[in-house]
Protein backbone atom coordinates (compact mmCIF):
# COMPACT_ATOMS: atom_id res chain seq x y z
CA UNK A 1 13.79 -14.21 -15.08
CA UNK A 2 10.35 -15.48 -14.32
CA UNK A 3 7.78 -13.92 -16.66
CA UNK A 4 4.70 -12.10 -15.37
CA UNK A 5 1.62 -14.31 -15.77
CA UNK A 6 -0.95 -11.60 -16.51
CA UNK A 7 -3.88 -14.00 -16.83
CA UNK A 8 -3.23 -15.64 -13.46
CA UNK A 9 -2.63 -12.31 -11.74
CA UNK A 10 -5.83 -10.86 -13.20
CA UNK A 11 -7.86 -13.91 -12.09
CA UNK A 12 -6.34 -13.77 -8.60
CA UNK A 13 -7.15 -10.06 -8.47
CA UNK A 14 -10.78 -10.79 -9.34
CA UNK A 15 -10.97 -13.38 -6.54
CA UNK A 16 -9.57 -10.85 -4.07
CA UNK A 17 -12.20 -8.34 -5.16
CA UNK A 18 -14.89 -11.01 -4.76
CA UNK A 19 -13.92 -11.31 -1.08
CA UNK A 20 -14.25 -7.53 -0.73
CA UNK A 21 -17.62 -7.53 -2.48
CA UNK A 22 -19.02 -10.50 -0.56
CA UNK A 23 -18.31 -8.70 2.72
CA UNK A 24 -20.57 -5.87 1.51
CA UNK A 25 -23.45 -8.23 0.67
CA UNK A 26 -23.07 -10.25 3.85
CA UNK A 27 -22.98 -7.05 5.93
CA UNK A 28 -26.34 -6.09 4.40
CA UNK A 29 -27.83 -9.38 5.66
CA UNK A 30 -26.24 -8.87 9.09
CA UNK A 31 -28.41 -5.76 9.58
CA UNK A 32 -31.28 -8.04 10.56
CA UNK A 33 -29.00 -10.12 12.84
CA UNK A 34 -27.62 -7.19 14.82
CA UNK A 35 -30.41 -4.64 14.23
CA UNK A 36 -33.68 -3.88 16.06
CA UNK A 37 -35.12 -7.29 15.14
CA UNK A 38 -31.94 -9.10 16.26
CA UNK A 39 -29.69 -8.18 19.19
CA UNK A 40 -31.32 -4.75 19.39
CA UNK A 41 -28.96 -2.18 17.85
CA UNK A 42 -30.70 0.83 16.31
CA UNK A 43 -30.21 1.52 12.60
CA UNK A 44 -28.09 4.54 13.52
CA UNK A 45 -25.94 2.36 15.81
CA UNK A 46 -25.49 -0.10 12.95
CA UNK A 47 -24.41 2.79 10.74
CA UNK A 48 -21.61 3.57 13.20
CA UNK A 49 -20.72 -0.13 13.64
CA UNK A 50 -20.46 -0.65 9.88
CA UNK A 51 -18.73 2.68 9.17
CA UNK A 52 -15.21 1.19 9.71
CA UNK A 53 -15.75 -0.92 6.58
CA UNK A 54 -15.46 2.37 4.75
CA UNK A 55 -13.11 4.58 6.77
CA UNK A 56 -10.91 1.52 7.45
CA UNK A 57 -10.82 1.10 3.68
CA UNK A 58 -9.85 4.78 3.39
CA UNK A 59 -7.06 4.49 5.98
CA UNK A 60 -5.70 1.41 4.21
CA UNK A 61 -5.72 3.10 0.81
CA UNK A 62 -4.16 6.35 1.97
CA UNK A 63 -1.40 4.44 3.79
CA UNK A 64 -1.16 1.60 1.27
CA UNK A 65 -1.07 3.83 -1.83
CA UNK A 66 2.38 5.36 -1.25
CA UNK A 67 3.65 2.07 0.24
CA UNK A 68 2.77 0.18 -2.95
CA UNK A 69 5.66 1.95 -4.70
CA UNK A 70 7.97 1.75 -1.69
CA UNK A 71 7.38 -1.85 -0.49
CA UNK A 72 5.95 -3.40 -3.63
CA UNK A 73 2.52 -4.75 -4.53
CA UNK A 74 3.23 -8.25 -3.14
CA UNK A 75 3.76 -7.07 0.45
CA UNK A 76 0.61 -4.95 0.40
CA UNK A 77 -1.31 -8.01 -0.83
CA UNK A 78 0.09 -9.97 2.13
CA UNK A 79 -1.29 -7.35 4.52
CA UNK A 80 -4.64 -7.55 2.71
CA UNK A 81 -4.80 -11.34 3.14
CA UNK A 82 -3.95 -11.23 6.87
CA UNK A 83 -6.37 -8.43 7.74
CA UNK A 84 -9.13 -10.07 5.71
CA UNK A 85 -8.62 -13.33 7.64
CA UNK A 86 -8.57 -11.58 11.04
CA UNK A 87 -11.66 -9.55 10.16
CA UNK A 88 -13.64 -12.63 9.14
CA UNK A 89 -12.73 -14.48 12.37
CA UNK A 90 -13.65 -11.45 14.49
CA UNK A 91 -16.97 -11.09 12.66
CA UNK A 92 -17.79 -14.71 13.51
CA UNK A 93 -17.29 -13.96 17.23
CA UNK A 94 -18.98 -10.52 17.28
CA UNK A 95 -21.86 -10.12 19.75
CA UNK A 96 -22.07 -6.35 20.41
CA UNK A 97 -21.66 -2.98 18.70
CA UNK A 98 -18.04 -2.70 19.88
CA UNK A 99 -16.96 -6.16 18.71
CA UNK A 100 -18.78 -5.67 15.40
CA UNK A 101 -17.03 -2.30 14.98
CA UNK A 102 -13.58 -3.86 15.50
CA UNK A 103 -14.30 -6.78 13.18
CA UNK A 104 -15.59 -4.45 10.49
CA UNK A 105 -12.49 -2.27 10.83
CA UNK A 106 -10.19 -5.21 10.01
CA UNK A 107 -12.37 -6.20 7.06
CA UNK A 108 -12.33 -2.60 5.82
CA UNK A 109 -8.53 -2.42 6.04
CA UNK A 110 -8.25 -5.69 4.10
CA UNK A 111 -10.61 -4.38 1.43
CA UNK A 112 -8.65 -1.14 1.16
CA UNK A 113 -5.32 -2.93 0.82
CA UNK A 114 -6.77 -5.03 -2.01
CA UNK A 115 -7.73 -1.90 -3.93
CA UNK A 116 -4.50 -0.06 -3.05
CA UNK A 117 -2.44 -2.90 -4.52
CA UNK A 118 -4.53 -4.15 -7.42
CA UNK A 119 -5.80 -0.99 -9.15
CA UNK A 120 -2.23 0.19 -9.89
CA UNK A 121 -1.14 -3.36 -10.73
CA UNK A 122 -3.83 -3.69 -13.39
CA UNK A 123 -3.13 -0.18 -14.72
CA UNK A 124 0.55 -1.14 -15.06
CA UNK A 125 -0.21 -4.48 -16.78
CA UNK A 126 -2.65 -3.02 -19.30
CA UNK A 127 -1.27 0.44 -20.10
CA UNK A 128 -3.15 0.70 -23.43
CA UNK A 129 -6.56 -0.29 -22.04
CA UNK A 130 -6.70 1.10 -18.51
CA UNK A 131 -10.36 2.14 -18.27
CA UNK A 132 -11.51 -1.00 -20.09
CA UNK A 133 -9.51 -3.40 -17.89
CA UNK A 134 -10.29 -1.55 -14.66
CA UNK A 135 -13.98 -1.89 -15.57
CA UNK A 136 -13.47 -5.61 -16.25
CA UNK A 137 -11.66 -6.01 -12.94
CA UNK A 138 -14.47 -4.18 -11.17
CA UNK A 139 -17.03 -6.50 -12.76
CA UNK A 140 -16.29 -8.64 -9.74
CA UNK A 141 -17.37 -6.04 -7.23
CA UNK A 142 -21.02 -6.26 -8.30
CA UNK A 143 -20.39 -9.88 -9.27
CA UNK A 144 -19.15 -10.68 -5.77
CA UNK A 145 -22.11 -8.84 -4.26
CA UNK A 146 -24.45 -11.02 -6.35
CA UNK A 147 -22.63 -14.12 -5.07
CA UNK A 148 -22.74 -12.91 -1.46
CA UNK A 149 -26.37 -11.81 -1.64
CA UNK A 150 -27.56 -15.10 -3.16
CA UNK A 151 -25.51 -17.16 -0.70
CA UNK A 152 -26.87 -15.12 2.21
CA UNK A 153 -30.43 -15.62 0.97
CA UNK A 154 -29.91 -19.37 0.43
CA UNK A 155 -28.09 -20.02 3.71
CA UNK A 156 -30.32 -17.98 6.02
CA UNK A 157 -33.68 -17.49 4.31
CA UNK A 158 -34.05 -20.75 2.38
CA UNK A 159 -31.97 -23.27 4.37
CA UNK A 160 -32.49 -21.61 7.77
CA UNK A 161 -28.83 -21.97 8.77
CA UNK A 162 -27.00 -19.62 11.13
CA UNK A 163 -25.42 -16.33 10.07
CA UNK A 164 -22.03 -17.76 11.10
CA UNK A 165 -22.28 -20.30 8.25
CA UNK A 166 -22.89 -17.44 5.82
CA UNK A 167 -19.86 -15.47 7.07
CA UNK A 168 -17.63 -18.58 6.99
CA UNK A 169 -18.16 -18.87 3.22
CA UNK A 170 -15.77 -15.92 2.85
CA UNK A 171 -12.86 -18.24 3.59
CA UNK A 172 -13.32 -19.98 0.19
CA UNK A 173 -12.35 -17.06 -2.10
CA UNK A 174 -9.90 -15.78 0.54
CA UNK A 175 -7.83 -18.96 0.44
CA UNK A 176 -8.17 -19.15 -3.35
CA UNK A 177 -6.69 -15.71 -4.00
CA UNK A 178 -3.92 -16.31 -1.45
CA UNK A 179 -2.86 -19.49 -3.24
CA UNK A 180 -3.05 -17.91 -6.72
CA UNK A 181 -0.80 -14.96 -5.80
CA UNK A 182 1.68 -17.21 -4.00
CA UNK A 183 5.03 -17.42 -5.81
CA UNK A 184 4.03 -15.15 -8.69
CA UNK A 185 6.19 -12.38 -10.16
CA UNK A 186 4.34 -9.10 -9.58
CA UNK A 187 5.00 -6.08 -11.86
CA UNK A 188 6.10 -2.69 -10.56
CA UNK A 189 3.60 0.19 -10.74
CA UNK A 190 3.31 2.38 -13.82
CA UNK A 191 4.75 5.39 -11.98
CA UNK A 192 7.91 3.40 -11.22
CA UNK A 193 8.05 2.22 -14.84
CA UNK A 194 7.81 5.83 -16.09
CA UNK A 195 10.42 7.05 -13.61
CA UNK A 196 8.15 9.72 -12.11
CA UNK A 197 9.65 11.00 -8.85
CA UNK A 198 7.89 11.00 -5.48
CA UNK A 199 8.06 14.80 -5.50
CA UNK A 200 6.24 15.02 -8.82
CA UNK A 201 3.66 12.43 -7.72
CA UNK A 202 2.80 14.36 -4.53
CA UNK A 203 2.70 17.64 -6.47
CA UNK A 204 0.36 16.09 -9.04
CA UNK A 205 -2.35 15.30 -6.49
CA UNK A 206 -2.72 19.08 -5.98
CA UNK A 207 -3.77 19.45 -9.63
CA UNK A 208 -7.22 21.21 -9.73
CA UNK A 209 -8.61 18.54 -12.08
CA UNK A 210 -7.56 15.80 -9.68
CA UNK A 211 -9.08 17.63 -6.69
CA UNK A 212 -12.31 18.05 -8.69
CA UNK A 213 -12.40 14.30 -9.34
CA UNK A 214 -11.84 13.58 -5.63
CA UNK A 215 -14.85 15.79 -4.81
CA UNK A 216 -16.95 13.93 -7.38
CA UNK A 217 -15.75 10.59 -5.98
CA UNK A 218 -17.32 11.53 -2.64
CA UNK A 219 -20.68 11.85 -4.35
CA UNK A 220 -20.48 8.92 -6.81
CA UNK A 221 -19.42 6.43 -4.13
CA UNK A 222 -22.07 7.61 -1.66
CA UNK A 223 -24.78 7.40 -4.32
CA UNK A 224 -23.85 3.81 -5.14
CA UNK A 225 -22.54 2.21 -1.97
CA UNK A 226 -24.54 4.19 0.58
CA UNK A 227 -27.74 3.04 -1.12
CA UNK A 228 -26.80 -0.59 -1.74
CA UNK A 229 -25.19 -1.09 1.70
CA UNK A 230 -28.46 -0.17 3.45
CA UNK A 231 -30.86 -1.68 0.94
CA UNK A 232 -32.19 -4.23 3.48
CA UNK A 233 -33.53 -1.38 5.64
CA UNK A 234 -34.41 0.95 2.75
CA UNK A 235 -36.64 -1.54 0.95
CA UNK A 236 -37.91 -3.86 3.72
CA UNK A 237 -41.40 -2.29 3.59
CA UNK A 238 -41.49 -2.14 -0.23
CA UNK A 239 -40.42 -5.63 -1.29
CA UNK A 240 -40.30 -9.09 0.31
CA UNK A 241 -36.61 -9.89 -0.29
CA UNK A 242 -34.34 -6.82 -0.49
CA UNK A 243 -31.30 -9.11 -0.86
CA UNK A 244 -32.69 -10.31 -4.19
CA UNK A 245 -33.03 -6.68 -5.30
CA UNK A 246 -29.38 -6.19 -4.32
CA UNK A 247 -28.42 -9.25 -6.38
CA UNK A 248 -30.48 -7.93 -9.31
CA UNK A 249 -28.81 -4.49 -9.20
CA UNK A 250 -25.34 -5.96 -9.07
CA UNK A 251 -26.09 -8.49 -11.79
CA UNK A 252 -26.89 -5.61 -14.14
CA UNK A 253 -23.74 -3.81 -13.01
CA UNK A 254 -21.57 -6.85 -13.70
CA UNK A 255 -22.99 -7.27 -17.22
CA UNK A 256 -22.55 -3.56 -17.91
CA UNK A 257 -18.91 -3.53 -16.86
CA UNK A 258 -18.20 -6.47 -19.14
CA UNK A 259 -19.24 -4.32 -22.10
CA UNK A 260 -17.41 -1.22 -20.85
CA UNK A 261 -14.85 -1.25 -23.68
CA UNK A 262 -17.39 -0.41 -26.41
CA UNK A 263 -19.09 2.25 -24.29
CA UNK A 264 -15.78 3.93 -23.35
CA UNK A 265 -14.89 4.12 -27.04
CA UNK A 266 -18.19 5.87 -27.90
CA UNK A 267 -18.71 8.17 -24.91
CA UNK A 268 -15.24 8.67 -23.40
CA UNK A 269 -14.94 8.54 -19.58
CA UNK A 270 -16.43 12.02 -19.01
CA UNK A 271 -19.48 11.17 -21.13
CA UNK A 272 -20.00 7.88 -19.28
CA UNK A 273 -19.95 9.72 -15.96
CA UNK A 274 -22.57 12.26 -17.07
CA UNK A 275 -25.01 9.60 -18.28
CA UNK A 276 -24.37 7.60 -15.11
CA UNK A 277 -25.34 10.57 -12.92
CA UNK A 278 -28.58 11.12 -14.86
CA UNK A 279 -29.70 7.48 -14.57
CA UNK A 280 -28.69 7.31 -10.89
CA UNK A 281 -30.81 10.37 -10.08
CA UNK A 282 -33.85 8.97 -11.90
CA UNK A 283 -33.39 5.53 -10.33
CA UNK A 284 -33.24 6.86 -6.76
CA UNK A 285 -36.41 8.88 -7.26
CA UNK A 286 -38.22 5.86 -8.75
CA UNK A 287 -37.24 3.80 -5.70
CA UNK A 288 -39.09 6.32 -3.48
CA UNK A 289 -42.41 5.94 -5.33
CA UNK A 290 -42.54 2.24 -6.29
CA UNK A 291 -43.23 -1.01 -4.47
CA UNK A 292 -43.62 -4.72 -5.19
CA UNK A 293 -42.51 -5.85 -8.64
CA UNK A 294 -42.01 -2.27 -9.86
CA UNK A 295 -39.12 -1.96 -7.40
CA UNK A 296 -37.10 -4.08 -9.83
CA UNK A 297 -37.79 -1.59 -12.66
CA UNK A 298 -36.58 1.29 -10.47
CA UNK A 299 -33.62 -0.81 -9.35
CA UNK A 300 -32.69 -1.50 -12.98
CA UNK A 301 -32.59 2.23 -13.78
CA UNK A 302 -30.50 2.86 -10.66
CA UNK A 303 -28.16 -0.03 -11.60
CA UNK A 304 -27.59 1.37 -15.10
CA UNK A 305 -26.63 4.64 -13.43
CA UNK A 306 -24.12 3.36 -10.90
CA UNK A 307 -22.58 0.63 -13.08
CA UNK A 308 -19.67 2.71 -14.40
CA UNK A 309 -19.18 5.19 -11.55
CA UNK A 310 -16.35 3.61 -9.54
CA UNK A 311 -14.14 2.06 -12.27
CA UNK A 312 -14.58 5.00 -14.65
CA UNK A 313 -13.58 7.51 -11.96
CA UNK A 314 -10.42 5.45 -11.42
CA UNK A 315 -9.92 5.00 -15.16
CA UNK A 316 -10.23 8.74 -15.77
CA UNK A 317 -7.46 9.46 -13.25
CA UNK A 318 -5.27 6.63 -14.59
CA UNK A 319 -5.65 7.89 -18.18
CA UNK A 320 -5.57 11.66 -17.82
CA UNK A 321 -3.56 12.06 -14.60
CA UNK A 322 -1.07 9.13 -14.70
CA UNK A 323 1.60 11.15 -12.88
CA UNK A 324 -0.48 10.86 -9.68
CA UNK A 325 0.48 7.15 -9.67
CA UNK A 326 -0.72 4.64 -7.09
CA UNK A 327 -1.21 7.51 -4.64
CA UNK A 328 -3.79 9.13 -6.91
CA UNK A 329 -5.79 5.93 -7.30
CA UNK A 330 -5.60 5.32 -3.56
CA UNK A 331 -6.80 8.82 -2.72
CA UNK A 332 -9.72 8.37 -5.10
CA UNK A 333 -10.76 5.03 -3.64
CA UNK A 334 -10.16 6.24 -0.09
CA UNK A 335 -12.24 9.38 -0.63
CA UNK A 336 -15.08 7.29 -2.01
CA UNK A 337 -15.17 4.91 0.91
CA UNK A 338 -14.72 7.65 3.51
CA UNK A 339 -17.77 9.42 2.13
CA UNK A 340 -19.85 6.27 2.64
CA UNK A 341 -18.72 6.04 6.28
CA UNK A 342 -20.22 9.53 6.75
CA UNK A 343 -23.42 8.77 4.87
CA UNK A 344 -24.35 5.49 6.61
CA UNK A 345 -25.14 6.94 10.08
CA UNK A 346 -27.01 9.86 8.47
CA UNK A 347 -29.16 7.43 6.50
CA UNK A 348 -29.72 5.40 9.67
CA UNK A 349 -30.89 8.51 11.55
CA UNK A 350 -33.33 9.36 8.74
CA UNK A 351 -34.69 5.81 8.67
CA UNK A 352 -35.04 5.70 12.47
CA UNK A 353 -37.13 8.89 12.31
CA UNK A 354 -40.77 9.34 11.40
CA UNK A 355 -40.09 9.94 7.69
CA UNK A 356 -38.44 6.54 7.24
CA UNK A 357 -36.70 5.03 4.18
CA UNK A 358 -38.44 7.30 1.66
CA UNK A 359 -36.85 10.40 3.15
CA UNK A 360 -33.44 8.71 3.15
CA UNK A 361 -33.74 7.87 -0.56
CA UNK A 362 -34.93 11.38 -1.45
CA UNK A 363 -31.99 12.85 0.45
CA UNK A 364 -29.57 10.55 -1.37
CA UNK A 365 -30.96 11.68 -4.74
CA UNK A 366 -29.47 15.15 -4.10
CA UNK A 367 -25.99 13.67 -4.66
CA UNK A 368 -26.42 12.57 -8.32
CA UNK A 369 -28.30 15.84 -8.99
CA UNK A 370 -25.11 17.72 -8.03
CA UNK A 371 -23.07 15.28 -10.14
CA UNK A 372 -25.12 16.00 -13.26
CA UNK A 373 -24.04 19.64 -13.08
CA UNK A 374 -20.45 18.71 -12.20
CA UNK A 375 -20.05 16.24 -15.06
CA UNK A 376 -21.64 18.62 -17.56
CA UNK A 377 -18.84 21.01 -16.66
CA UNK A 378 -16.26 18.21 -16.94
CA UNK A 379 -17.45 17.32 -20.44
CA UNK A 380 -17.16 20.93 -21.58
CA UNK A 381 -13.65 21.17 -20.08
CA UNK A 382 -12.45 17.90 -21.65
CA UNK A 383 -13.75 18.89 -25.10
CA UNK A 384 -11.90 22.21 -24.89
CA UNK A 385 -8.78 20.40 -23.70
CA UNK A 386 -8.98 17.90 -26.59
CA UNK A 387 -9.51 20.66 -29.16
CA UNK A 388 -6.54 22.58 -27.75
CA UNK A 389 -4.27 19.53 -28.01
CA UNK A 390 -5.42 18.79 -31.57
CA UNK A 391 -4.86 22.41 -32.61
């Protein structure tokens, strides 16, 4: 029997996540192409046009999660590749809010299928180091955003080429991950390995702790992705090149996730989440009162905060609620992205109004403030749970 090549599968997974991440960075740059200074869409309209990147992601994860166990990871990856390709082609031909909406929907579904397939695959390959390896995998979300942001800046701002050239660059990592997965033996999910029934899996997602984590995922994802997805509009009056700020934030995030193993060992997932919420709150407030070079200081604080949010939320569920299986991870990712689809138009409406970007950032800072309280409670609960088990 052909052996599972973990190294190749992990590298291919990272390339697939780079495609997902680059679409986020490129979409940020497309705000100026399709927005008030381009074809004339309002920032609120753009929020609705870009929302499918997030609720399409949610639909894909909610559907793809259960199907990962039923159809297998390989088939879900095939769907991801096809929808990614279609979404990129449709983006290249988009010229209105409707066509941009449809293109973004396909991209969002592709992104969701990538996460639906690969989070459980990595959890099943590295059962003893789930949070560590999920953090290392998710290095390439901020890493891919850095790549996309720098390429967008070079192609459009430095070289003066068309936005279509920038979007076309997505085909490079797309083809690469397709080739690397081709012909490989893919492992079954951990739930299948453990023999946990569908009935038990569906019952497990009604666990109060899991539902609490889903609620928190709404807030962590919105704090991170809502802010970074609209950074071009949020910071255009504060700094000359918001895309470079985006690259800076995600560079810090990538470095942080590389060192996640040591931090997980010291703080445990619940501790990491509490400190993340505190730094995110401080960073968002600093972004409302700084400008020029000091924006990068505020951005660094914000980056430290959001670095571990997404992968640690997934890692917590994979470690402490493994019976929820691929469905649990998909619900978590889907909830996170759905929350961003709600937040984007609201942020656009605030920025279109008289108060502008500052009001949008102040409003967003409410989310990590709630999370500080929520994660304080989680830490108390987990300590009691640990003491009870040890007793």
